[in-house]
Amino acid sequence: MDIVSKKISDIRPYEKNPRKNDEAVKYVAESIKEFGFKVPIVVDKDNVIVAGHTRYKAAKKLKMTEVP
């Protein structure tokens, strides 16, 4: 697996993501702000998020333009 930077605008959330944890976005954003990304967002070949929806939302909240 390669870790690359992607434009956040190129990544799409999985429409059927079963997790509803918007209350965690604030805390994840604070963690990313303080420590940076420690775990990248995992996407499939179509740039649909497989793992990392909360990190994606946190990055958007932080107005990041690229994410690992």
C-alpha atoms as a PDB file:
ATOM      1  CA  MET A   1       0.000   0.000   0.000  1.00  0.00           C
ATOM      2  CA  ASP A   2       1.262   3.455  -0.879  1.00  0.00           C
ATOM      3  CA  ILE A   3       0.484   6.530   1.197  1.00  0.00           C
ATOM      4  CA  VAL A   4      -0.039   9.538  -1.049  1.00  0.00           C
ATOM      5  CA  SER A   5      -1.574  12.957  -0.614  1.00  0.00           C
ATOM      6  CA  LYS A   6      -4.931  13.483  -2.272  1.00  0.00           C
ATOM      7  CA  LYS A   7      -6.958  16.618  -2.776  1.00  0.00           C
ATOM      8  CA  ILE A   8      -9.819  16.485  -0.321  1.00  0.00           C
ATOM      9  CA  SER A   9     -12.124  17.609  -3.135  1.00  0.00           C
ATOM     10  CA  ASP A  10     -11.264  14.394  -5.045  1.00  0.00           C
ATOM     11  CA  ILE A  11     -12.343  12.102  -2.187  1.00  0.00           C
ATOM     12  CA  ARG A  12     -15.952  11.019  -1.707  1.00  0.00           C
ATOM     13  CA  PRO A  13     -17.576   9.491   1.382  1.00  0.00           C
ATOM     14  CA  TYR A  14     -19.123   6.041   1.016  1.00  0.00           C
ATOM     15  CA  GLU A  15     -22.866   6.685   0.742  1.00  0.00           C
ATOM     16  CA  LYS A  16     -23.809   3.652   2.856  1.00  0.00           C
ATOM     17  CA  ASN A  17     -21.370   4.326   5.687  1.00  0.00           C
ATOM     18  CA  PRO A  18     -23.187   2.888   8.738  1.00  0.00           C
ATOM     19  CA  ARG A  19     -21.307   4.931  11.347  1.00  0.00           C
ATOM     20  CA  LYS A  20     -22.930   8.105  12.567  1.00  0.00           C
ATOM     21  CA  ASN A  21     -20.316   9.677  14.820  1.00  0.00           C
ATOM     22  CA  ASP A  22     -20.421  13.365  13.989  1.00  0.00           C
ATOM     23  CA  GLU A  23     -19.903  14.191  17.667  1.00  0.00           C
ATOM     24  CA  ALA A  24     -16.353  12.789  17.355  1.00  0.00           C
ATOM     25  CA  VAL A  25     -15.370  15.131  14.491  1.00  0.00           C
ATOM     26  CA  LYS A  26     -14.498  17.964  16.873  1.00  0.00           C
ATOM     27  CA  TYR A  27     -12.122  15.772  18.881  1.00  0.00           C
ATOM     28  CA  VAL A  28     -10.501  14.233  15.822  1.00  0.00           C
ATOM     29  CA  ALA A  29      -9.998  17.719  14.335  1.00  0.00           C
ATOM     30  CA  GLU A  30      -8.285  18.819  17.549  1.00  0.00           C
ATOM     31  CA  SER A  31      -6.035  15.758  17.410  1.00  0.00           C
ATOM     32  CA  ILE A  32      -5.107  16.347  13.762  1.00  0.00           C
ATOM     33  CA  LYS A  33      -4.405  20.002  14.523  1.00  0.00           C
ATOM     34  CA  GLU A  34      -2.108  19.087  17.412  1.00  0.00           C
ATOM     35  CA  PHE A  35      -0.421  15.902  16.147  1.00  0.00           C
ATOM     36  CA  GLY A  36      -1.092  15.784  12.397  1.00  0.00           C
ATOM     37  CA  PHE A  37      -2.476  12.768  10.566  1.00  0.00           C
ATOM     38  CA  LYS A  38      -1.259   9.559  12.214  1.00  0.00           C
ATOM     39  CA  VAL A  39      -3.516   7.248  10.179  1.00  0.00           C
ATOM     40  CA  PRO A  40      -4.282   8.035   6.536  1.00  0.00           C
ATOM     41  CA  ILE A  41      -7.732   7.952   4.974  1.00  0.00           C
ATOM     42  CA  VAL A  42      -8.170   4.724   3.013  1.00  0.00           C
ATOM     43  CA  VAL A  43      -9.881   5.044  -0.376  1.00  0.00           C
ATOM     44  CA  ASP A  44     -10.736   2.594  -3.130  1.00  0.00           C
ATOM     45  CA  LYS A  45      -9.764   2.894  -6.800  1.00  0.00           C
ATOM     46  CA  ASP A  46     -12.617   5.385  -7.323  1.00  0.00           C
ATOM     47  CA  ASN A  47     -11.490   7.607  -4.386  1.00  0.00           C
ATOM     48  CA  VAL A  48     -14.461   6.528  -2.276  1.00  0.00           C
ATOM     49  CA  ILE A  49     -13.634   6.351   1.423  1.00  0.00           C
ATOM     50  CA  VAL A  50     -13.256   2.832   2.791  1.00  0.00           C
ATOM     51  CA  ALA A  51     -11.977   3.899   6.220  1.00  0.00           C
ATOM     52  CA  GLY A  52     -11.603   7.356   7.678  1.00  0.00           C
ATOM     53  CA  HIS A  53     -14.931   9.156   7.339  1.00  0.00           C
ATOM     54  CA  THR A  54     -14.427  10.976  10.650  1.00  0.00           C
ATOM     55  CA  ARG A  55     -10.881  12.011   9.667  1.00  0.00           C
ATOM     56  CA  TYR A  56     -12.292  13.254   6.342  1.00  0.00           C
ATOM     57  CA  LYS A  57     -14.927  15.364   8.116  1.00  0.00           C
ATOM     58  CA  ALA A  58     -12.317  16.655  10.572  1.00  0.00           C
ATOM     59  CA  ALA A  59      -9.988  17.633   7.725  1.00  0.00           C
ATOM     60  CA  LYS A  60     -12.822  19.496   6.030  1.00  0.00           C
ATOM     61  CA  LYS A  61     -13.584  21.248   9.320  1.00  0.00           C
ATOM     62  CA  LEU A  62      -9.936  22.319   9.474  1.00  0.00           C
ATOM     63  CA  LYS A  63     -10.215  23.570   5.869  1.00  0.00           C
ATOM     64  CA  MET A  64      -7.406  21.275   4.740  1.00  0.00           C
ATOM     65  CA  THR A  65      -6.968  20.989   0.987  1.00  0.00           C
ATOM     66  CA  GLU A  66      -4.994  17.711   0.956  1.00  0.00           C
ATOM     67  CA  VAL A  67      -5.017  14.617   3.143  1.00  0.00           C
ATOM     68  CA  PRO A  68      -2.914  11.440   3.278  1.00  0.00           C
END
